[in-house]
Amino acid sequence: MPTDFLRQLPSIPDSVCNLTVAQKQQ
Protein backbone atom coordinates (compact mmCIF):
# COMPACT_ATOMS: atom_id res chain seq x y z
CA MET A 1 0.00 0.00 0.00
CA PRO A 2 1.11 3.63 -0.48
CA THR A 3 1.45 4.11 3.27
CA ASP A 4 3.88 1.16 3.41
CA PHE A 5 6.24 2.92 1.01
CA LEU A 6 5.87 6.34 2.63
CA ARG A 7 6.66 5.04 6.11
CA GLN A 8 9.71 3.06 5.00
CA LEU A 9 11.36 5.72 2.85
CA PRO A 10 14.58 7.26 4.22
CA SER A 11 14.14 10.33 6.39
CA ILE A 12 14.84 13.82 5.10
CA PRO A 13 18.57 14.26 5.88
CA ASP A 14 19.77 16.68 8.54
CA SER A 15 22.64 19.11 7.94
CA VAL A 16 22.31 18.75 4.16
CA CYS A 17 24.79 21.56 3.51
CA ASN A 18 27.56 19.66 5.31
CA LEU A 19 27.20 16.45 3.31
CA THR A 20 30.11 15.36 1.14
CA VAL A 21 29.67 14.25 -2.46
CA ALA A 22 29.83 10.61 -1.34
CA GLN A 23 27.20 11.16 1.34
CA LYS A 24 24.88 12.90 -1.10
CA GLN A 25 25.20 10.01 -3.53
CA GLN A 26 24.62 7.50 -0.75
PDB file of all heavy atoms in Angstrom:
ATOM      1  N   MET A   1       0.832  -1.194   0.000  1.00  0.00           N
ATOM      2  CA  MET A   1       0.000   0.000   0.000  1.00  0.00           C
ATOM      3  C   MET A   1       0.875   1.254   0.000  1.00  0.00           C
ATOM      4  O   MET A   1       2.037   1.218   0.427  1.00  0.00           O
ATOM      5  CB  MET A   1      -0.908  -0.003   1.229  1.00  0.00           C
ATOM      6  CG  MET A   1      -1.874  -1.167   1.259  1.00  0.00           C
ATOM      7  SD  MET A   1      -3.075  -1.119  -0.095  1.00  0.00           S
ATOM      8  CE  MET A   1      -4.119   0.226   0.458  1.00  0.00           C
ATOM      9  N   PRO A   2       0.331   2.390  -0.461  1.00  0.00           N
ATOM     10  CA  PRO A   2       1.107   3.628  -0.485  1.00  0.00           C
ATOM     11  C   PRO A   2       1.707   3.993   0.871  1.00  0.00           C
ATOM     12  O   PRO A   2       2.847   4.457   0.942  1.00  0.00           O
ATOM     13  CB  PRO A   2       0.064   4.663  -0.928  1.00  0.00           C
ATOM     14  CG  PRO A   2      -0.892   3.889  -1.756  1.00  0.00           C
ATOM     15  CD  PRO A   2      -0.996   2.549  -1.085  1.00  0.00           C
ATOM     16  N   THR A   3       0.937   3.775   1.941  1.00  0.00           N
ATOM     17  CA  THR A   3       1.446   4.108   3.271  1.00  0.00           C
ATOM     18  C   THR A   3       2.658   3.256   3.648  1.00  0.00           C
ATOM     19  O   THR A   3       3.527   3.712   4.397  1.00  0.00           O
ATOM     20  CB  THR A   3       0.343   3.931   4.333  1.00  0.00           C
ATOM     21  OG1 THR A   3      -0.268   2.641   4.171  1.00  0.00           O
ATOM     22  CG2 THR A   3      -0.722   5.003   4.183  1.00  0.00           C
ATOM     23  N   ASP A   4       2.724   2.023   3.140  1.00  0.00           N
ATOM     24  CA  ASP A   4       3.881   1.162   3.411  1.00  0.00           C
ATOM     25  C   ASP A   4       5.152   1.813   2.860  1.00  0.00           C
ATOM     26  O   ASP A   4       6.177   1.870   3.538  1.00  0.00           O
ATOM     27  CB  ASP A   4       3.703  -0.216   2.758  1.00  0.00           C
ATOM     28  CG  ASP A   4       2.545  -0.999   3.353  1.00  0.00           C
ATOM     29  OD1 ASP A   4       2.249  -0.799   4.541  1.00  0.00           O
ATOM     30  OD2 ASP A   4       1.938  -1.799   2.626  1.00  0.00           O
ATOM     31  N   PHE A   5       5.073   2.274   1.627  1.00  0.00           N
ATOM     32  CA  PHE A   5       6.238   2.918   1.007  1.00  0.00           C
ATOM     33  C   PHE A   5       6.605   4.209   1.745  1.00  0.00           C
ATOM     34  O   PHE A   5       7.777   4.454   2.036  1.00  0.00           O
ATOM     35  CB  PHE A   5       5.935   3.250  -0.461  1.00  0.00           C
ATOM     36  CG  PHE A   5       5.816   2.036  -1.339  1.00  0.00           C
ATOM     37  CD1 PHE A   5       4.588   1.633  -1.823  1.00  0.00           C
ATOM     38  CD2 PHE A   5       6.937   1.293  -1.696  1.00  0.00           C
ATOM     39  CE1 PHE A   5       4.462   0.521  -2.652  1.00  0.00           C
ATOM     40  CE2 PHE A   5       6.832   0.180  -2.517  1.00  0.00           C
ATOM     41  CZ  PHE A   5       5.586  -0.206  -2.984  1.00  0.00           C
ATOM     42  N   LEU A   6       5.603   5.039   2.016  1.00  0.00           N
ATOM     43  CA  LEU A   6       5.866   6.344   2.626  1.00  0.00           C
ATOM     44  C   LEU A   6       6.521   6.219   3.999  1.00  0.00           C
ATOM     45  O   LEU A   6       7.388   7.020   4.358  1.00  0.00           O
ATOM     46  CB  LEU A   6       4.559   7.135   2.742  1.00  0.00           C
ATOM     47  CG  LEU A   6       3.984   7.646   1.417  1.00  0.00           C
ATOM     48  CD1 LEU A   6       2.544   8.139   1.615  1.00  0.00           C
ATOM     49  CD2 LEU A   6       4.851   8.754   0.846  1.00  0.00           C
ATOM     50  N   ARG A   7       6.117   5.194   4.758  1.00  0.00           N
ATOM     51  CA  ARG A   7       6.660   5.036   6.109  1.00  0.00           C
ATOM     52  C   ARG A   7       8.048   4.408   6.120  1.00  0.00           C
ATOM     53  O   ARG A   7       8.782   4.523   7.094  1.00  0.00           O
ATOM     54  CB  ARG A   7       5.699   4.190   6.953  1.00  0.00           C
ATOM     55  CG  ARG A   7       4.401   4.934   7.283  1.00  0.00           C
ATOM     56  CD  ARG A   7       3.525   4.134   8.219  1.00  0.00           C
ATOM     57  NE  ARG A   7       2.333   4.897   8.589  1.00  0.00           N
ATOM     58  CZ  ARG A   7       1.079   4.490   8.445  1.00  0.00           C
ATOM     59  NH1 ARG A   7       0.843   3.289   7.937  1.00  0.00           N
ATOM     60  NH2 ARG A   7       0.058   5.242   8.802  1.00  0.00           N
ATOM     61  N   GLN A   8       8.419   3.731   5.030  1.00  0.00           N
ATOM     62  CA  GLN A   8       9.712   3.058   4.998  1.00  0.00           C
ATOM     63  C   GLN A   8      10.777   3.843   4.228  1.00  0.00           C
ATOM     64  O   GLN A   8      11.953   3.466   4.262  1.00  0.00           O
ATOM     65  CB  GLN A   8       9.560   1.661   4.371  1.00  0.00           C
ATOM     66  CG  GLN A   8       8.598   0.726   5.085  1.00  0.00           C
ATOM     67  CD  GLN A   8       8.990   0.444   6.527  1.00  0.00           C
ATOM     68  OE1 GLN A   8      10.129   0.655   6.919  1.00  0.00           O
ATOM     69  NE2 GLN A   8       8.037  -0.014   7.332  1.00  0.00           N
ATOM     70  N   LEU A   9      10.386   4.904   3.574  1.00  0.00           N
ATOM     71  CA  LEU A   9      11.362   5.724   2.850  1.00  0.00           C
ATOM     72  C   LEU A   9      12.356   6.361   3.816  1.00  0.00           C
ATOM     73  O   LEU A   9      12.012   6.656   4.965  1.00  0.00           O
ATOM     74  CB  LEU A   9      10.642   6.826   2.067  1.00  0.00           C
ATOM     75  CG  LEU A   9      10.100   6.435   0.690  1.00  0.00           C
ATOM     76  CD1 LEU A   9       9.037   7.433   0.233  1.00  0.00           C
ATOM     77  CD2 LEU A   9      11.239   6.378  -0.320  1.00  0.00           C
ATOM     78  N   PRO A  10      13.588   6.597   3.367  1.00  0.00           N
ATOM     79  CA  PRO A  10      14.583   7.259   4.223  1.00  0.00           C
ATOM     80  C   PRO A  10      14.090   8.626   4.679  1.00  0.00           C
ATOM     81  O   PRO A  10      13.322   9.290   3.977  1.00  0.00           O
ATOM     82  CB  PRO A  10      15.800   7.398   3.295  1.00  0.00           C
ATOM     83  CG  PRO A  10      15.630   6.315   2.286  1.00  0.00           C
ATOM     84  CD  PRO A  10      14.140   6.190   2.062  1.00  0.00           C
ATOM     85  N   SER A  11      14.522   9.027   5.862  1.00  0.00           N
ATOM     86  CA  SER A  11      14.138  10.334   6.394  1.00  0.00           C
ATOM     87  C   SER A  11      14.817  11.454   5.619  1.00  0.00           C
ATOM     88  O   SER A  11      15.847  11.251   4.972  1.00  0.00           O
ATOM     89  CB  SER A  11      14.532  10.436   7.875  1.00  0.00           C
ATOM     90  OG  SER A  11      13.909   9.411   8.626  1.00  0.00           O
ATOM     91  N   ILE A  12      14.224  12.629   5.696  1.00  0.00           N
ATOM     92  CA  ILE A  12      14.844  13.815   5.104  1.00  0.00           C
ATOM     93  C   ILE A  12      16.142  14.062   5.864  1.00  0.00           C
ATOM     94  O   ILE A  12      16.143  14.161   7.089  1.00  0.00           O
ATOM     95  CB  ILE A  12      13.911  15.028   5.239  1.00  0.00           C
ATOM     96  CG1 ILE A  12      12.587  14.746   4.532  1.00  0.00           C
ATOM     97  CG2 ILE A  12      14.570  16.280   4.660  1.00  0.00           C
ATOM     98  CD1 ILE A  12      11.503  15.766   4.809  1.00  0.00           C
ATOM     99  N   PRO A  13      17.286  14.140   5.183  1.00  0.00           N
ATOM    100  CA  PRO A  13      18.574  14.259   5.881  1.00  0.00           C
ATOM    101  C   PRO A  13      18.738  15.577   6.635  1.00  0.00           C
ATOM    102  O   PRO A  13      18.248  16.620   6.203  1.00  0.00           O
ATOM    103  CB  PRO A  13      19.594  14.147   4.742  1.00  0.00           C
ATOM    104  CG  PRO A  13      18.848  14.536   3.512  1.00  0.00           C
ATOM    105  CD  PRO A  13      17.443  14.101   3.726  1.00  0.00           C
ATOM    106  N   ASP A  14      19.410  15.480   7.768  1.00  0.00           N
ATOM    107  CA  ASP A  14      19.766  16.679   8.535  1.00  0.00           C
ATOM    108  C   ASP A  14      21.099  17.217   8.028  1.00  0.00           C
ATOM    109  O   ASP A  14      21.884  16.490   7.421  1.00  0.00           O
ATOM    110  CB  ASP A  14      19.892  16.339  10.025  1.00  0.00           C
ATOM    111  CG  ASP A  14      18.564  15.868  10.623  1.00  0.00           C
ATOM    112  OD1 ASP A  14      17.514  16.426  10.218  1.00  0.00           O
ATOM    113  OD2 ASP A  14      18.590  14.949  11.455  1.00  0.00           O
ATOM    114  N   SER A  15      21.353  18.486   8.295  1.00  0.00           N
ATOM    115  CA  SER A  15      22.638  19.112   7.937  1.00  0.00           C
ATOM    116  C   SER A  15      23.024  18.824   6.490  1.00  0.00           C
ATOM    117  O   SER A  15      24.157  18.418   6.195  1.00  0.00           O
ATOM    118  CB  SER A  15      23.742  18.622   8.884  1.00  0.00           C
ATOM    119  OG  SER A  15      23.398  18.867  10.229  1.00  0.00           O
ATOM    120  N   VAL A  16      22.079  19.025   5.580  1.00  0.00           N
ATOM    121  CA  VAL A  16      22.308  18.751   4.158  1.00  0.00           C
ATOM    122  C   VAL A  16      23.527  19.494   3.628  1.00  0.00           C
ATOM    123  O   VAL A  16      24.314  18.960   2.841  1.00  0.00           O
ATOM    124  CB  VAL A  16      21.059  19.133   3.334  1.00  0.00           C
ATOM    125  CG1 VAL A  16      21.365  19.102   1.838  1.00  0.00           C
ATOM    126  CG2 VAL A  16      19.922  18.183   3.646  1.00  0.00           C
ATOM    127  N   CYS A  17      23.705  20.723   4.058  1.00  0.00           N
ATOM    128  CA  CYS A  17      24.787  21.560   3.514  1.00  0.00           C
ATOM    129  C   CYS A  17      26.178  21.085   3.908  1.00  0.00           C
ATOM    130  O   CYS A  17      27.172  21.537   3.338  1.00  0.00           O
ATOM    131  CB  CYS A  17      24.575  23.020   3.926  1.00  0.00           C
ATOM    132  SG  CYS A  17      23.038  23.726   3.286  1.00  0.00           S
ATOM    133  N   ASN A  18      26.252  20.180   4.884  1.00  0.00           N
ATOM    134  CA  ASN A  18      27.557  19.656   5.311  1.00  0.00           C
ATOM    135  C   ASN A  18      27.876  18.294   4.699  1.00  0.00           C
ATOM    136  O   ASN A  18      28.958  17.744   4.947  1.00  0.00           O
ATOM    137  CB  ASN A  18      27.602  19.537   6.843  1.00  0.00           C
ATOM    138  CG  ASN A  18      27.526  20.894   7.526  1.00  0.00           C
ATOM    139  OD1 ASN A  18      28.063  21.878   7.027  1.00  0.00           O
ATOM    140  ND2 ASN A  18      26.851  20.951   8.667  1.00  0.00           N
ATOM    141  N   LEU A  19      26.975  17.762   3.901  1.00  0.00           N
ATOM    142  CA  LEU A  19      27.199  16.446   3.306  1.00  0.00           C
ATOM    143  C   LEU A  19      28.282  16.501   2.235  1.00  0.00           C
ATOM    144  O   LEU A  19      28.373  17.453   1.458  1.00  0.00           O
ATOM    145  CB  LEU A  19      25.910  15.911   2.679  1.00  0.00           C
ATOM    146  CG  LEU A  19      24.731  15.638   3.614  1.00  0.00           C
ATOM    147  CD1 LEU A  19      23.533  15.133   2.810  1.00  0.00           C
ATOM    148  CD2 LEU A  19      25.097  14.638   4.696  1.00  0.00           C
ATOM    149  N   THR A  20      29.103  15.473   2.190  1.00  0.00           N
ATOM    150  CA  THR A  20      30.114  15.360   1.138  1.00  0.00           C
ATOM    151  C   THR A  20      29.452  14.818  -0.130  1.00  0.00           C
ATOM    152  O   THR A  20      28.297  14.395  -0.109  1.00  0.00           O
ATOM    153  CB  THR A  20      31.246  14.408   1.564  1.00  0.00           C
ATOM    154  OG1 THR A  20      30.694  13.082   1.729  1.00  0.00           O
ATOM    155  CG2 THR A  20      31.878  14.863   2.872  1.00  0.00           C
ATOM    156  N   VAL A  21      30.191  14.800  -1.211  1.00  0.00           N
ATOM    157  CA  VAL A  21      29.669  14.249  -2.461  1.00  0.00           C
ATOM    158  C   VAL A  21      29.270  12.790  -2.269  1.00  0.00           C
ATOM    159  O   VAL A  21      28.210  12.357  -2.733  1.00  0.00           O
ATOM    160  CB  VAL A  21      30.726  14.367  -3.584  1.00  0.00           C
ATOM    161  CG1 VAL A  21      30.243  13.668  -4.845  1.00  0.00           C
ATOM    162  CG2 VAL A  21      31.033  15.823  -3.875  1.00  0.00           C
ATOM    163  N   ALA A  22      30.108  12.027  -1.570  1.00  0.00           N
ATOM    164  CA  ALA A  22      29.831  10.608  -1.343  1.00  0.00           C
ATOM    165  C   ALA A  22      28.571  10.421  -0.512  1.00  0.00           C
ATOM    166  O   ALA A  22      27.762   9.517  -0.774  1.00  0.00           O
ATOM    167  CB  ALA A  22      31.018   9.948  -0.653  1.00  0.00           C
ATOM    168  N   GLN A  23      28.377  11.267   0.480  1.00  0.00           N
ATOM    169  CA  GLN A  23      27.200  11.160   1.345  1.00  0.00           C
ATOM    170  C   GLN A  23      25.927  11.538   0.591  1.00  0.00           C
ATOM    171  O   GLN A  23      24.876  10.929   0.800  1.00  0.00           O
ATOM    172  CB  GLN A  23      27.375  12.056   2.577  1.00  0.00           C
ATOM    173  CG  GLN A  23      28.408  11.528   3.553  1.00  0.00           C
ATOM    174  CD  GLN A  23      28.722  12.522   4.666  1.00  0.00           C
ATOM    175  OE1 GLN A  23      28.688  13.747   4.462  1.00  0.00           O
ATOM    176  NE2 GLN A  23      29.027  12.006   5.846  1.00  0.00           N
ATOM    177  N   LYS A  24      26.026  12.528  -0.271  1.00  0.00           N
ATOM    178  CA  LYS A  24      24.881  12.896  -1.104  1.00  0.00           C
ATOM    179  C   LYS A  24      24.477  11.721  -2.002  1.00  0.00           C
ATOM    180  O   LYS A  24      23.303  11.384  -2.112  1.00  0.00           O
ATOM    181  CB  LYS A  24      25.204  14.117  -1.974  1.00  0.00           C
ATOM    182  CG  LYS A  24      25.266  15.431  -1.224  1.00  0.00           C
ATOM    183  CD  LYS A  24      25.288  16.614  -2.197  1.00  0.00           C
ATOM    184  CE  LYS A  24      26.514  16.602  -3.085  1.00  0.00           C
ATOM    185  NZ  LYS A  24      26.510  17.744  -4.042  1.00  0.00           N
ATOM    186  N   GLN A  25      25.470  11.115  -2.623  1.00  0.00           N
ATOM    187  CA  GLN A  25      25.200  10.005  -3.529  1.00  0.00           C
ATOM    188  C   GLN A  25      24.635   8.809  -2.773  1.00  0.00           C
ATOM    189  O   GLN A  25      23.773   8.091  -3.289  1.00  0.00           O
ATOM    190  CB  GLN A  25      26.483   9.602  -4.265  1.00  0.00           C
ATOM    191  CG  GLN A  25      26.266   8.556  -5.352  1.00  0.00           C
ATOM    192  CD  GLN A  25      25.225   8.969  -6.369  1.00  0.00           C
ATOM    193  OE1 GLN A  25      25.287  10.071  -6.925  1.00  0.00           O
ATOM    194  NE2 GLN A  25      24.244   8.114  -6.614  1.00  0.00           N
ATOM    195  N   GLN A  26      25.114   8.607  -1.552  1.00  0.00           N
ATOM    196  CA  GLN A  26      24.617   7.498  -0.746  1.00  0.00           C
ATOM    197  C   GLN A  26      23.137   7.695  -0.405  1.00  0.00           C
ATOM    198  O   GLN A  26      22.351   6.740  -0.428  1.00  0.00           O
ATOM    199  CB  GLN A  26      25.437   7.366   0.541  1.00  0.00           C
ATOM    200  CG  GLN A  26      25.155   6.090   1.317  1.00  0.00           C
ATOM    201  CD  GLN A  26      26.100   5.916   2.487  1.00  0.00           C
ATOM    202  OE1 GLN A  26      26.548   6.888   3.093  1.00  0.00           O
ATOM    203  NE2 GLN A  26      26.417   4.675   2.809  1.00  0.00           N
TER     204      GLN A  26
END
